[in-house]
PDB file of N, CA and C in Angstrom:
ATOM      1  N   MET A   1       4.192 -30.508  -2.572  1.00  0.00           N
ATOM      2  CA  MET A   1       5.537 -29.681  -2.574  1.00  0.00           C
ATOM      3  C   MET A   1       4.556 -28.525  -1.598  1.00  0.00           C
ATOM      4  N   SER A   2       5.243 -28.343   0.141  1.00  0.00           N
ATOM      5  CA  SER A   2       4.345 -27.948   1.097  1.00  0.00           C
ATOM      6  C   SER A   2       4.801 -26.471   0.400  1.00  0.00           C
ATOM      7  N   ASN A   3       3.850 -25.471   0.907  1.00  0.00           N
ATOM      8  CA  ASN A   3       4.719 -23.970   0.542  1.00  0.00           C
ATOM      9  C   ASN A   3       6.109 -23.835   1.583  1.00  0.00           C
ATOM     10  N   ARG A   4       5.997 -24.329   2.602  1.00  0.00           N
ATOM     11  CA  ARG A   4       7.453 -23.910   3.144  1.00  0.00           C
ATOM     12  C   ARG A   4       8.436 -24.702   2.498  1.00  0.00           C
ATOM     13  N   GLN A   5       8.223 -26.096   1.796  1.00  0.00           N
ATOM     14  CA  GLN A   5       9.674 -26.203   0.823  1.00  0.00           C
ATOM     15  C   GLN A   5       9.659 -25.564  -0.441  1.00  0.00           C
ATOM     16  N   LEU A   6       8.409 -24.990  -0.659  1.00  0.00           N
ATOM     17  CA  LEU A   6       8.816 -24.209  -2.155  1.00  0.00           C
ATOM     18  C   LEU A   6       9.057 -22.479  -1.924  1.00  0.00           C
ATOM     19  N   ILE A   7       9.254 -22.168  -0.649  1.00  0.00           N
ATOM     20  CA  ILE A   7       9.671 -21.152  -0.067  1.00  0.00           C
ATOM     21  C   ILE A   7      10.950 -21.376   0.279  1.00  0.00           C
ATOM     22  N   LEU A   8      11.135 -22.295   0.820  1.00  0.00           N
ATOM     23  CA  LEU A   8      12.732 -22.302   1.046  1.00  0.00           C
ATOM     24  C   LEU A   8      13.690 -22.904  -0.257  1.00  0.00           C
ATOM     25  N   LEU A   9      13.096 -23.235  -1.321  1.00  0.00           N
ATOM     26  CA  LEU A   9      13.717 -24.033  -2.469  1.00  0.00           C
ATOM     27  C   LEU A   9      13.754 -22.288  -3.300  1.00  0.00           C
ATOM     28  N   LEU A  10      12.637 -21.340  -3.182  1.00  0.00           N
ATOM     29  CA  LEU A  10      13.087 -20.288  -4.244  1.00  0.00           C
ATOM     30  C   LEU A  10      14.221 -18.641  -3.408  1.00  0.00           C
ATOM     31  N   ARG A  11      14.004 -19.088  -1.846  1.00  0.00           N
ATOM     32  CA  ARG A  11      15.059 -18.496  -1.393  1.00  0.00           C
ATOM     33  C   ARG A  11      16.324 -19.186  -1.497  1.00  0.00           C
ATOM     34  N   THR A  12      16.465 -20.394  -1.947  1.00  0.00           N
ATOM     35  CA  THR A  12      18.047 -20.771  -2.021  1.00  0.00           C
ATOM     36  C   THR A  12      18.164 -20.711  -3.828  1.00  0.00           C
ATOM     37  N   SER A  13      17.130 -20.395  -4.322  1.00  0.00           N
ATOM     38  CA  SER A  13      17.357 -20.406  -6.049  1.00  0.00           C
ATOM     39  C   SER A  13      17.885 -18.404  -6.064  1.00  0.00           C
ATOM     40  N   ILE A  14      17.116 -17.677  -4.972  1.00  0.00           N
ATOM     41  CA  ILE A  14      17.813 -16.655  -5.136  1.00  0.00           C
ATOM     42  C   ILE A  14      18.886 -16.058  -4.568  1.00  0.00           C
ATOM     43  N   THR A  15      19.268 -16.932  -4.185  1.00  0.00           N
ATOM     44  CA  THR A  15      20.923 -16.629  -2.978  1.00  0.00           C
ATOM     45  C   THR A  15      21.557 -17.501  -4.250  1.00  0.00           C
ATOM     46  N   ILE A  16      21.671 -18.416  -4.738  1.00  0.00           N
ATOM     47  CA  ILE A  16      22.521 -19.017  -5.695  1.00  0.00           C
ATOM     48  C   ILE A  16      22.745 -17.964  -6.938  1.00  0.00           C
ATOM     49  N   GLY A  17      21.656 -17.311  -7.373  1.00  0.00           N
ATOM     50  CA  GLY A  17      21.646 -16.553  -8.342  1.00  0.00           C
ATOM     51  C   GLY A  17      21.921 -14.963  -8.040  1.00  0.00           C
ATOM     52  N   ILE A  18      22.356 -14.449  -6.620  1.00  0.00           N
ATOM     53  CA  ILE A  18      23.090 -13.409  -5.948  1.00  0.00           C
ATOM     54  C   ILE A  18      24.792 -13.681  -6.045  1.00  0.00           C
ATOM     55  N   CYS A  19      24.578 -14.965  -5.927  1.00  0.00           N
ATOM     56  CA  CYS A  19      26.269 -15.317  -5.732  1.00  0.00           C
ATOM     57  C   CYS A  19      26.556 -15.689  -7.246  1.00  0.00           C
ATOM     58  N   LEU A  20      25.777 -16.069  -8.169  1.00  0.00           N
ATOM     59  CA  LEU A  20      26.226 -16.039  -9.557  1.00  0.00           C
ATOM     60  C   LEU A  20      26.483 -14.641  -9.983  1.00  0.00           C
ATOM     61  N   ILE A  21      25.724 -13.656  -9.578  1.00  0.00           N
ATOM     62  CA  ILE A  21      25.913 -12.352  -9.986  1.00  0.00           C
ATOM     63  C   ILE A  21      27.203 -11.403  -9.530  1.00  0.00           C
ATOM     64  N   LEU A  22      27.599 -11.939  -8.519  1.00  0.00           N
ATOM     65  CA  LEU A  22      28.847 -11.368  -7.816  1.00  0.00           C
ATOM     66  C   LEU A  22      30.011 -12.227  -8.147  1.00  0.00           C
ATOM     67  N   LEU A  23      29.775 -13.237  -8.728  1.00  0.00           N
ATOM     68  CA  LEU A  23      31.402 -13.977  -9.190  1.00  0.00           C
ATOM     69  C   LEU A  23      31.149 -13.334 -10.409  1.00  0.00           C
ATOM     70  N   GLY A  24      30.510 -13.157 -11.284  1.00  0.00           N
ATOM     71  CA  GLY A  24      30.407 -12.495 -12.395  1.00  0.00           C
ATOM     72  C   GLY A  24      30.951 -11.114 -12.518  1.00  0.00           C
ATOM     73  N   ILE A  25      30.749 -10.713 -11.783  1.00  0.00           N
ATOM     74  CA  ILE A  25      31.323  -9.249 -11.622  1.00  0.00           C
ATOM     75  C   ILE A  25      32.443  -9.333 -10.829  1.00  0.00           C
ATOM     76  N   TYR A  26      33.174 -10.164 -10.126  1.00  0.00           N
ATOM     77  CA  TYR A  26      34.447 -10.906  -9.629  1.00  0.00           C
ATOM     78  C   TYR A  26      35.196 -10.786 -10.650  1.00  0.00           C
ATOM     79  N   LEU A  27      34.721 -11.633 -11.583  1.00  0.00           N
ATOM     80  CA  LEU A  27      35.897 -12.578 -12.766  1.00  0.00           C
ATOM     81  C   LEU A  27      36.088 -11.286 -13.874  1.00  0.00           C
ATOM     82  N   HIS A  28      34.758 -10.521 -13.725  1.00  0.00           N
ATOM     83  CA  HIS A  28      35.203  -9.344 -15.345  1.00  0.00           C
ATOM     84  C   HIS A  28      36.160  -8.099 -14.535  1.00  0.00           C
ATOM     85  N   ASN A  29      36.077  -7.954 -13.280  1.00  0.00           N
ATOM     86  CA  ASN A  29      36.645  -6.658 -12.899  1.00  0.00           C
ATOM     87  C   ASN A  29      38.345  -7.399 -12.267  1.00  0.00           C
ATOM     88  N   PHE A  30      38.033  -8.342 -11.418  1.00  0.00           N
ATOM     89  CA  PHE A  30      39.287  -8.451 -10.876  1.00  0.00           C
ATOM     90  C   PHE A  30      39.748  -9.452 -11.191  1.00  0.00           C
ATOM     91  N   ASN A  31      39.918 -10.081 -12.057  1.00  0.00           N
ATOM     92  CA  ASN A  31      40.281 -11.588 -12.286  1.00  0.00           C
ATOM     93  C   ASN A  31      41.157 -11.541 -13.556  1.00  0.00           C
ATOM     94  N   ASP A  32      42.202 -11.262 -13.463  1.00  0.00           N
ATOM     95  CA  ASP A  32      43.195 -11.167 -14.896  1.00  0.00           C
ATOM     96  C   ASP A  32      43.841 -12.546 -15.805  1.00  0.00           C
ATOM     97  N   THR A  33      43.312 -13.899 -15.118  1.00  0.00           N
ATOM     98  CA  THR A  33      42.930 -14.910 -16.388  1.00  0.00           C
ATOM     99  C   THR A  33      41.684 -14.417 -17.209  1.00  0.00           C
ATOM    100  N   LEU A  34      40.693 -14.069 -16.750  1.00  0.00           N
ATOM    101  CA  LEU A  34      39.453 -14.115 -17.672  1.00  0.00           C
ATOM    102  C   LEU A  34      39.948 -13.012 -18.537  1.00  0.00           C
ATOM    103  N   ALA A  35      40.883 -11.332 -17.964  1.00  0.00           N
ATOM    104  CA  ALA A  35      40.784 -10.414 -18.795  1.00  0.00           C
ATOM    105  C   ALA A  35      41.963 -10.950 -19.975  1.00  0.00           C
ATOM    106  N   ALA A  36      42.820 -11.919 -19.611  1.00  0.00           N
ATOM    107  CA  ALA A  36      43.742 -12.785 -20.570  1.00  0.00           C
ATOM    108  C   ALA A  36      43.192 -13.105 -21.836  1.00  0.00           C
ATOM    109  N   MET A  37      41.873 -14.274 -21.232  1.00  0.00           N
ATOM    110  CA  MET A  37      41.376 -14.894 -22.680  1.00  0.00           C
ATOM    111  C   MET A  37      40.594 -14.164 -23.595  1.00  0.00           C
ATOM    112  N   GLY A  38      40.535 -12.624 -23.323  1.00  0.00           N
ATOM    113  CA  GLY A  38      40.087 -11.851 -24.629  1.00  0.00           C
ATOM    114  C   GLY A  38      38.524 -11.971 -24.372  1.00  0.00           C
ATOM    115  N   VAL A  39      37.727 -12.490 -25.449  1.00  0.00           N
ATOM    116  CA  VAL A  39      36.313 -12.689 -25.602  1.00  0.00           C
ATOM    117  C   VAL A  39      35.842 -13.750 -24.538  1.00  0.00           C
ATOM    118  N   LYS A  40      36.389 -14.959 -24.942  1.00  0.00           N
ATOM    119  CA  LYS A  40      36.255 -15.825 -24.172  1.00  0.00           C
ATOM    120  C   LYS A  40      35.991 -15.446 -22.391  1.00  0.00           C
ATOM    121  N   GLY A  41      36.640 -14.765 -22.166  1.00  0.00           N
ATOM    122  CA  GLY A  41      36.778 -14.172 -20.279  1.00  0.00           C
ATOM    123  C   GLY A  41      35.160 -13.474 -20.176  1.00  0.00           C
ATOM    124  N   ILE A  42      35.417 -12.393 -21.273  1.00  0.00           N
ATOM    125  CA  ILE A  42      33.875 -11.641 -21.171  1.00  0.00           C
ATOM    126  C   ILE A  42      32.600 -12.685 -20.935  1.00  0.00           C
ATOM    127  N   ILE A  43      32.766 -13.158 -22.369  1.00  0.00           N
ATOM    128  CA  ILE A  43      31.699 -14.336 -22.311  1.00  0.00           C
ATOM    129  C   ILE A  43      31.399 -15.496 -20.696  1.00  0.00           C
ATOM    130  N   ILE A  44      32.289 -15.499 -20.515  1.00  0.00           N
ATOM    131  CA  ILE A  44      32.412 -16.747 -18.830  1.00  0.00           C
ATOM    132  C   ILE A  44      31.946 -15.540 -18.068  1.00  0.00           C
ATOM    133  N   SER A  45      32.497 -14.309 -17.581  1.00  0.00           N
ATOM    134  CA  SER A  45      31.422 -13.643 -16.897  1.00  0.00           C
ATOM    135  C   SER A  45      30.367 -13.187 -16.643  1.00  0.00           C
ATOM    136  N   SER A  46      29.984 -12.900 -18.365  1.00  0.00           N
ATOM    137  CA  SER A  46      28.408 -12.209 -18.497  1.00  0.00           C
ATOM    138  C   SER A  46      27.781 -13.573 -18.312  1.00  0.00           C
ATOM    139  N   MET A  47      27.960 -14.724 -19.050  1.00  0.00           N
ATOM    140  CA  MET A  47      27.261 -15.936 -18.444  1.00  0.00           C
ATOM    141  C   MET A  47      26.600 -16.164 -17.031  1.00  0.00           C
ATOM    142  N   CYS A  48      28.153 -15.789 -16.015  1.00  0.00           N
ATOM    143  CA  CYS A  48      27.509 -16.026 -14.367  1.00  0.00           C
ATOM    144  C   CYS A  48      26.398 -14.928 -14.523  1.00  0.00           C
ATOM    145  N   VAL A  49      27.119 -13.546 -15.062  1.00  0.00           N
ATOM    146  CA  VAL A  49      25.666 -12.716 -15.116  1.00  0.00           C
ATOM    147  C   VAL A  49      24.365 -13.364 -15.006  1.00  0.00           C
ATOM    148  N   ALA A  50      24.138 -13.799 -16.331  1.00  0.00           N
ATOM    149  CA  ALA A  50      23.053 -14.043 -16.774  1.00  0.00           C
ATOM    150  C   ALA A  50      22.346 -14.847 -16.149  1.00  0.00           C
ATOM    151  N   PHE A  51      23.044 -16.044 -16.040  1.00  0.00           N
ATOM    152  CA  PHE A  51      22.188 -16.994 -15.343  1.00  0.00           C
ATOM    153  C   PHE A  51      22.044 -17.030 -13.482  1.00  0.00           C
ATOM    154  N   GLY A  52      22.783 -15.899 -13.113  1.00  0.00           N
ATOM    155  CA  GLY A  52      22.443 -15.152 -11.792  1.00  0.00           C
ATOM    156  C   GLY A  52      21.033 -14.566 -11.933  1.00  0.00           C
ATOM    157  N   MET A  53      20.809 -13.315 -12.655  1.00  0.00           N
ATOM    158  CA  MET A  53      19.464 -12.928 -12.849  1.00  0.00           C
ATOM    159  C   MET A  53      18.408 -13.442 -13.576  1.00  0.00           C
ATOM    160  N   VAL A  54      18.769 -14.800 -14.045  1.00  0.00           N
ATOM    161  CA  VAL A  54      17.406 -15.813 -14.459  1.00  0.00           C
ATOM    162  C   VAL A  54      17.083 -16.512 -13.109  1.00  0.00           C
ATOM    163  N   LEU A  55      17.871 -17.149 -12.245  1.00  0.00           N
ATOM    164  CA  LEU A  55      17.349 -17.592 -10.958  1.00  0.00           C
ATOM    165  C   LEU A  55      17.152 -16.761  -9.938  1.00  0.00           C
ATOM    166  N   SER A  56      17.536 -15.493  -9.973  1.00  0.00           N
ATOM    167  CA  SER A  56      17.020 -14.315  -8.756  1.00  0.00           C
ATOM    168  C   SER A  56      15.621 -13.725  -9.079  1.00  0.00           C
ATOM    169  N   LEU A  57      15.512 -12.870 -10.233  1.00  0.00           N
ATOM    170  CA  LEU A  57      14.711 -11.938 -10.192  1.00  0.00           C
ATOM    171  C   LEU A  57      13.238 -12.694 -10.360  1.00  0.00           C
ATOM    172  N   PRO A  58      13.188 -13.545 -11.273  1.00  0.00           N
ATOM    173  CA  PRO A  58      11.828 -14.408 -11.224  1.00  0.00           C
ATOM    174  C   PRO A  58      11.378 -15.201 -10.224  1.00  0.00           C
ATOM    175  N   THR A  59      12.368 -15.500  -9.353  1.00  0.00           N
ATOM    176  CA  THR A  59      11.566 -16.265  -7.929  1.00  0.00           C
ATOM    177  C   THR A  59      11.296 -14.934  -6.847  1.00  0.00           C
ATOM    178  N   LYS A  60      12.182 -13.820  -7.127  1.00  0.00           N
ATOM    179  CA  LYS A  60      11.451 -12.889  -6.359  1.00  0.00           C
ATOM    180  C   LYS A  60       9.971 -12.300  -6.330  1.00  0.00           C
ATOM    181  N   MET A  61       9.883 -12.434  -7.935  1.00  0.00           N
ATOM    182  CA  MET A  61       8.501 -11.841  -7.802  1.00  0.00           C
ATOM    183  C   MET A  61       7.694 -12.905  -6.986  1.00  0.00           C
ATOM    184  N   TYR A  62       7.737 -14.357  -7.423  1.00  0.00           N
ATOM    185  CA  TYR A  62       6.862 -15.262  -7.356  1.00  0.00           C
ATOM    186  C   TYR A  62       6.810 -15.445  -5.800  1.00  0.00           C
ATOM    187  N   LEU A  63       8.039 -15.216  -5.002  1.00  0.00           N
ATOM    188  CA  LEU A  63       8.288 -15.731  -3.538  1.00  0.00           C
ATOM    189  C   LEU A  63       7.520 -14.192  -3.051  1.00  0.00           C
ATOM    190  N   THR A  64       7.409 -12.786  -3.631  1.00  0.00           N
ATOM    191  CA  THR A  64       6.645 -11.663  -2.937  1.00  0.00           C
ATOM    192  C   THR A  64       5.121 -12.229  -3.291  1.00  0.00           C
ATOM    193  N   PHE A  65       4.820 -12.911  -4.421  1.00  0.00           N
ATOM    194  CA  PHE A  65       3.383 -13.440  -4.821  1.00  0.00           C
ATOM    195  C   PHE A  65       2.984 -14.249  -3.455  1.00  0.00           C
ATOM    196  N   ILE A  66       3.591 -15.334  -3.073  1.00  0.00           N
ATOM    197  CA  ILE A  66       3.424 -16.064  -2.243  1.00  0.00           C
ATOM    198  C   ILE A  66       3.182 -15.857  -0.901  1.00  0.00           C
ATOM    199  N   LEU A  67       3.964 -14.613  -0.378  1.00  0.00           N
ATOM    200  CA  LEU A  67       3.922 -13.897   0.901  1.00  0.00           C
ATOM    201  C   LEU A  67       2.584 -12.975   0.879  1.00  0.00           C
ATOM    202  N   VAL A  68       2.446 -12.171   0.238  1.00  0.00           N
ATOM    203  CA  VAL A  68       1.371 -11.636   0.230  1.00  0.00           C
ATOM    204  C   VAL A  68       0.182 -12.375   0.351  1.00  0.00           C
ATOM    205  N   ALA A  69      -0.092 -13.728  -0.707  1.00  0.00           N
ATOM    206  CA  ALA A  69      -1.378 -14.158  -0.554  1.00  0.00           C
ATOM    207  C   ALA A  69      -1.335 -14.763   0.828  1.00  0.00           C
ATOM    208  N   ARG A  70       0.016 -15.505   1.546  1.00  0.00           N
ATOM    209  CA  ARG A  70      -0.344 -16.146   3.034  1.00  0.00           C
ATOM    210  C   ARG A  70      -0.755 -14.687   3.770  1.00  0.00           C
ATOM    211  N   GLU A  71      -0.117 -13.469   3.647  1.00  0.00           N
ATOM    212  CA  GLU A  71      -0.399 -12.423   4.782  1.00  0.00           C
ATOM    213  C   GLU A  71      -2.353 -12.030   4.310  1.00  0.00           C
ATOM    214  N   ALA A  72      -2.869 -12.232   3.206  1.00  0.00           N
ATOM    215  CA  ALA A  72      -4.021 -11.882   2.730  1.00  0.00           C
ATOM    216  C   ALA A  72      -4.722 -13.206   3.556  1.00  0.00           C
ATOM    217  N   ASN A  73      -4.474 -14.332   3.787  1.00  0.00           N
ATOM    218  CA  ASN A  73      -4.747 -15.242   4.262  1.00  0.00           C
ATOM    219  C   ASN A  73      -5.105 -15.288   5.619  1.00  0.00           C
ATOM    220  N   LYS A  74      -4.178 -14.785   6.374  1.00  0.00           N
ATOM    221  CA  LYS A  74      -3.829 -14.646   8.043  1.00  0.00           C
ATOM    222  C   LYS A  74      -5.264 -13.486   8.367  1.00  0.00           C
ATOM    223  N   LYS A  75      -4.994 -12.433   7.493  1.00  0.00           N
ATOM    224  CA  LYS A  75      -5.900 -11.263   7.772  1.00  0.00           C
ATOM    225  C   LYS A  75      -7.460 -11.959   7.787  1.00  0.00           C
ATOM    226  N   ASP A  76      -7.892 -12.834   6.045  1.00  0.00           N
ATOM    227  CA  ASP A  76      -8.838 -12.934   6.350  1.00  0.00           C
ATOM    228  C   ASP A  76      -9.402 -14.158   8.068  1.00  0.00           C
ATOM    229  N   SER A  77      -8.417 -14.896   8.017  1.00  0.00           N
ATOM    230  CA  SER A  77      -9.053 -15.815   9.291  1.00  0.00           C
ATOM    231  C   SER A  77      -9.314 -14.929  10.473  1.00  0.00           C
ATOM    232  N   SER A  78      -8.649 -13.703  10.416  1.00  0.00           N
ATOM    233  CA  SER A  78      -8.291 -13.034  11.803  1.00  0.00           C
ATOM    234  C   SER A  78      -9.697 -12.564  12.169  1.00  0.00           C
ATOM    235  N   GLU A  79      -9.845 -11.964  11.162  1.00  0.00           N
ATOM    236  CA  GLU A  79     -11.862 -11.112  10.995  1.00  0.00           C
ATOM    237  C   GLU A  79     -12.753 -11.839  11.004  1.00  0.00           C
TER     238      GLU A  79
END
């Protein structure tokens, strides 16, 4: 897998993670159906947030590492 494809995959993962976090917040704060479900509704909304965090946070660190390494390689090749 090339770096371009890996970066695209990581950015997609970050986007999906952020969307899941926002969905969980929406479900928890504004959806009356999940509020009526009680504990099961809270678990559903918190699982959306948890999976969103799992998808978004580690990929941000890895993507940052890849981009810093790329910039260091460009800087070394220009000097």
